[in-house]
Amino acid sequence: MRRIDREKKTIDHMLRVYCRNHHGSSDGLCAACVALQEYAHSRLDTCPFQQEKPACNKCTVHCYSRQKRVEVKDVMRYSGPRMMLRHPVLALLHLLDLVGEPPTLKKRK
């Protein structure tokens, strides 16, 4: 599985956990969470690192707007611990992404 696809899958599961418990959505995502999901997917699609992508909180390039960064942090702070029970493989892979130094962008000529 490509790195970006795994990241999308992880954020999708985190959003489902968050939305179910905060917005009462039992079968999918509410409109606000769908908008955040689409935003996260669009940012992942344009990530300059692609396969070498570090965890977003360790990244040297902040792709998210300030407000969206706050929203995603809230989702991750709530869903992260719960992911260990619901999706342990994705959670473990996400934690492994935190290990090591993040790559840096090469300067354009």
C-alpha atoms as a PDB file:
ATOM      1  CA  MET A   1       0.000   0.000   0.000  1.00  0.00           C
ATOM      2  CA  ARG A   2       1.340   3.434  -0.910  1.00  0.00           C
ATOM      3  CA  ARG A   3       2.273   5.693   1.993  1.00  0.00           C
ATOM      4  CA  ILE A   4      -0.250   8.389   1.058  1.00  0.00           C
ATOM      5  CA  ASP A   5      -3.049   5.820   0.704  1.00  0.00           C
ATOM      6  CA  ARG A   6      -2.250   4.505   4.190  1.00  0.00           C
ATOM      7  CA  GLU A   7      -2.336   8.049   5.569  1.00  0.00           C
ATOM      8  CA  LYS A   8      -5.753   8.600   3.976  1.00  0.00           C
ATOM      9  CA  LYS A   9      -7.044   5.353   5.437  1.00  0.00           C
ATOM     10  CA  THR A  10      -5.732   6.313   8.878  1.00  0.00           C
ATOM     11  CA  ILE A  11      -7.326   9.778   8.868  1.00  0.00           C
ATOM     12  CA  ASP A  12     -10.591   8.251   7.592  1.00  0.00           C
ATOM     13  CA  HIS A  13     -10.723   5.826  10.533  1.00  0.00           C
ATOM     14  CA  MET A  14      -9.768   8.549  13.007  1.00  0.00           C
ATOM     15  CA  LEU A  15     -12.509  10.807  11.665  1.00  0.00           C
ATOM     16  CA  ARG A  16     -15.097   8.008  11.953  1.00  0.00           C
ATOM     17  CA  VAL A  17     -14.191   7.396  15.596  1.00  0.00           C
ATOM     18  CA  TYR A  18     -14.263  11.123  16.365  1.00  0.00           C
ATOM     19  CA  CYS A  19     -17.493  11.847  14.477  1.00  0.00           C
ATOM     20  CA  ARG A  20     -19.349   8.882  15.987  1.00  0.00           C
ATOM     21  CA  ASN A  21     -18.496   9.961  19.523  1.00  0.00           C
ATOM     22  CA  HIS A  22     -18.675  13.751  19.140  1.00  0.00           C
ATOM     23  CA  HIS A  23     -21.342  14.312  16.501  1.00  0.00           C
ATOM     24  CA  GLY A  24     -23.454  11.172  16.956  1.00  0.00           C
ATOM     25  CA  SER A  25     -22.932   9.914  13.406  1.00  0.00           C
ATOM     26  CA  SER A  26     -23.657   6.205  13.401  1.00  0.00           C
ATOM     27  CA  ASP A  27     -23.271   5.439   9.707  1.00  0.00           C
ATOM     28  CA  GLY A  28     -20.605   7.640   8.197  1.00  0.00           C
ATOM     29  CA  LEU A  29     -19.473  11.189   8.741  1.00  0.00           C
ATOM     30  CA  CYS A  30     -21.365  14.418   9.345  1.00  0.00           C
ATOM     31  CA  ALA A  31     -20.956  17.270   6.845  1.00  0.00           C
ATOM     32  CA  ALA A  32     -18.233  19.000   8.883  1.00  0.00           C
ATOM     33  CA  CYS A  33     -16.182  15.806   9.138  1.00  0.00           C
ATOM     34  CA  VAL A  34     -16.633  15.057   5.430  1.00  0.00           C
ATOM     35  CA  ALA A  35     -15.282  18.541   4.672  1.00  0.00           C
ATOM     36  CA  LEU A  36     -12.281  17.936   6.948  1.00  0.00           C
ATOM     37  CA  GLN A  37     -11.721  14.527   5.331  1.00  0.00           C
ATOM     38  CA  GLU A  38     -11.765  16.032   1.835  1.00  0.00           C
ATOM     39  CA  TYR A  39      -9.371  18.765   2.948  1.00  0.00           C
ATOM     40  CA  ALA A  40      -6.960  16.224   4.490  1.00  0.00           C
ATOM     41  CA  HIS A  41      -7.086  14.062   1.359  1.00  0.00           C
ATOM     42  CA  SER A  42      -6.366  17.055  -0.884  1.00  0.00           C
ATOM     43  CA  ARG A  43      -3.401  18.034   1.301  1.00  0.00           C
ATOM     44  CA  LEU A  44      -2.065  14.467   1.216  1.00  0.00           C
ATOM     45  CA  ASP A  45      -2.413  14.370  -2.572  1.00  0.00           C
ATOM     46  CA  THR A  46      -0.218  17.450  -2.871  1.00  0.00           C
ATOM     47  CA  CYS A  47       2.320  16.526  -0.176  1.00  0.00           C
ATOM     48  CA  PRO A  48       5.775  17.358  -1.544  1.00  0.00           C
ATOM     49  CA  PHE A  49       7.328  14.319   0.192  1.00  0.00           C
ATOM     50  CA  GLN A  50       4.878  11.603  -0.990  1.00  0.00           C
ATOM     51  CA  GLN A  51       6.457   8.207  -0.133  1.00  0.00           C
ATOM     52  CA  GLU A  52       9.012   9.796   2.231  1.00  0.00           C
ATOM     53  CA  LYS A  53       6.274  11.724   4.034  1.00  0.00           C
ATOM     54  CA  PRO A  54       6.888  12.085   7.772  1.00  0.00           C
ATOM     55  CA  ALA A  55       4.113  12.301  10.345  1.00  0.00           C
ATOM     56  CA  CYS A  56       2.461  15.694   9.894  1.00  0.00           C
ATOM     57  CA  ASN A  57       3.383  16.918  13.372  1.00  0.00           C
ATOM     58  CA  LYS A  58       7.079  16.310  12.595  1.00  0.00           C
ATOM     59  CA  CYS A  59       6.969  17.740   9.087  1.00  0.00           C
ATOM     60  CA  THR A  60       9.023  20.786   8.128  1.00  0.00           C
ATOM     61  CA  VAL A  61       6.324  21.940   5.693  1.00  0.00           C
ATOM     62  CA  HIS A  62       2.913  22.771   7.142  1.00  0.00           C
ATOM     63  CA  CYS A  63       0.350  22.157   4.419  1.00  0.00           C
ATOM     64  CA  TYR A  64      -2.737  22.733   6.575  1.00  0.00           C
ATOM     65  CA  SER A  65      -4.207  26.134   7.312  1.00  0.00           C
ATOM     66  CA  ARG A  66      -3.985  27.151  10.954  1.00  0.00           C
ATOM     67  CA  GLN A  67      -7.684  26.425  11.615  1.00  0.00           C
ATOM     68  CA  LYS A  68      -7.635  23.019   9.906  1.00  0.00           C
ATOM     69  CA  ARG A  69      -4.463  22.092  11.814  1.00  0.00           C
ATOM     70  CA  VAL A  70      -6.339  22.748  15.078  1.00  0.00           C
ATOM     71  CA  GLU A  71      -9.302  20.650  13.909  1.00  0.00           C
ATOM     72  CA  VAL A  72      -7.112  17.715  12.870  1.00  0.00           C
ATOM     73  CA  LYS A  73      -5.165  17.885  16.137  1.00  0.00           C
ATOM     74  CA  ASP A  74      -8.452  17.601  18.056  1.00  0.00           C
ATOM     75  CA  VAL A  75      -9.461  14.565  15.987  1.00  0.00           C
ATOM     76  CA  MET A  76      -6.077  12.896  16.424  1.00  0.00           C
ATOM     77  CA  ARG A  77      -5.834  13.682  20.129  1.00  0.00           C
ATOM     78  CA  TYR A  78      -9.200  12.004  20.706  1.00  0.00           C
ATOM     79  CA  SER A  79      -8.980   9.158  18.184  1.00  0.00           C
ATOM     80  CA  GLY A  80      -5.300   8.255  18.498  1.00  0.00           C
ATOM     81  CA  PRO A  81      -5.550   6.271  21.743  1.00  0.00           C
ATOM     82  CA  ARG A  82      -8.771   4.610  20.566  1.00  0.00           C
ATOM     83  CA  MET A  83      -7.132   3.523  17.306  1.00  0.00           C
ATOM     84  CA  MET A  84      -4.926   1.085  19.255  1.00  0.00           C
ATOM     85  CA  LEU A  85      -8.053  -0.943  20.029  1.00  0.00           C
ATOM     86  CA  ARG A  86      -9.984  -0.472  16.794  1.00  0.00           C
ATOM     87  CA  HIS A  87      -7.207  -0.463  14.185  1.00  0.00           C
ATOM     88  CA  PRO A  88      -3.979  -1.547  15.888  1.00  0.00           C
ATOM     89  CA  VAL A  89      -1.965  -2.068  12.689  1.00  0.00           C
ATOM     90  CA  LEU A  90      -2.740   1.417  11.355  1.00  0.00           C
ATOM     91  CA  ALA A  91      -2.064   2.911  14.776  1.00  0.00           C
ATOM     92  CA  LEU A  92       1.276   1.151  15.058  1.00  0.00           C
ATOM     93  CA  LEU A  93       2.337   2.203  11.557  1.00  0.00           C
ATOM     94  CA  HIS A  94       1.349   5.781  12.376  1.00  0.00           C
ATOM     95  CA  LEU A  95       3.474   5.674  15.536  1.00  0.00           C
ATOM     96  CA  LEU A  96       6.421   4.288  13.561  1.00  0.00           C
ATOM     97  CA  ASP A  97       6.156   7.298  11.252  1.00  0.00           C
ATOM     98  CA  LEU A  98       7.147   9.445  14.227  1.00  0.00           C
ATOM     99  CA  VAL A  99      10.548   7.743  14.435  1.00  0.00           C
ATOM    100  CA  GLY A 100      13.508   9.355  12.710  1.00  0.00           C
ATOM    101  CA  GLU A 101      14.259  12.739  11.270  1.00  0.00           C
ATOM    102  CA  PRO A 102      11.807  14.270   8.817  1.00  0.00           C
ATOM    103  CA  PRO A 103      13.067  14.926   5.282  1.00  0.00           C
ATOM    104  CA  THR A 104      13.645  18.490   4.105  1.00  0.00           C
ATOM    105  CA  LEU A 105      12.674  20.041   0.810  1.00  0.00           C
ATOM    106  CA  LYS A 106      15.361  20.649  -1.719  1.00  0.00           C
ATOM    107  CA  LYS A 107      15.687  24.288  -2.719  1.00  0.00           C
ATOM    108  CA  ARG A 108      14.512  25.216  -6.185  1.00  0.00           C
ATOM    109  CA  LYS A 109      16.994  26.659  -8.635  1.00  0.00           C
END
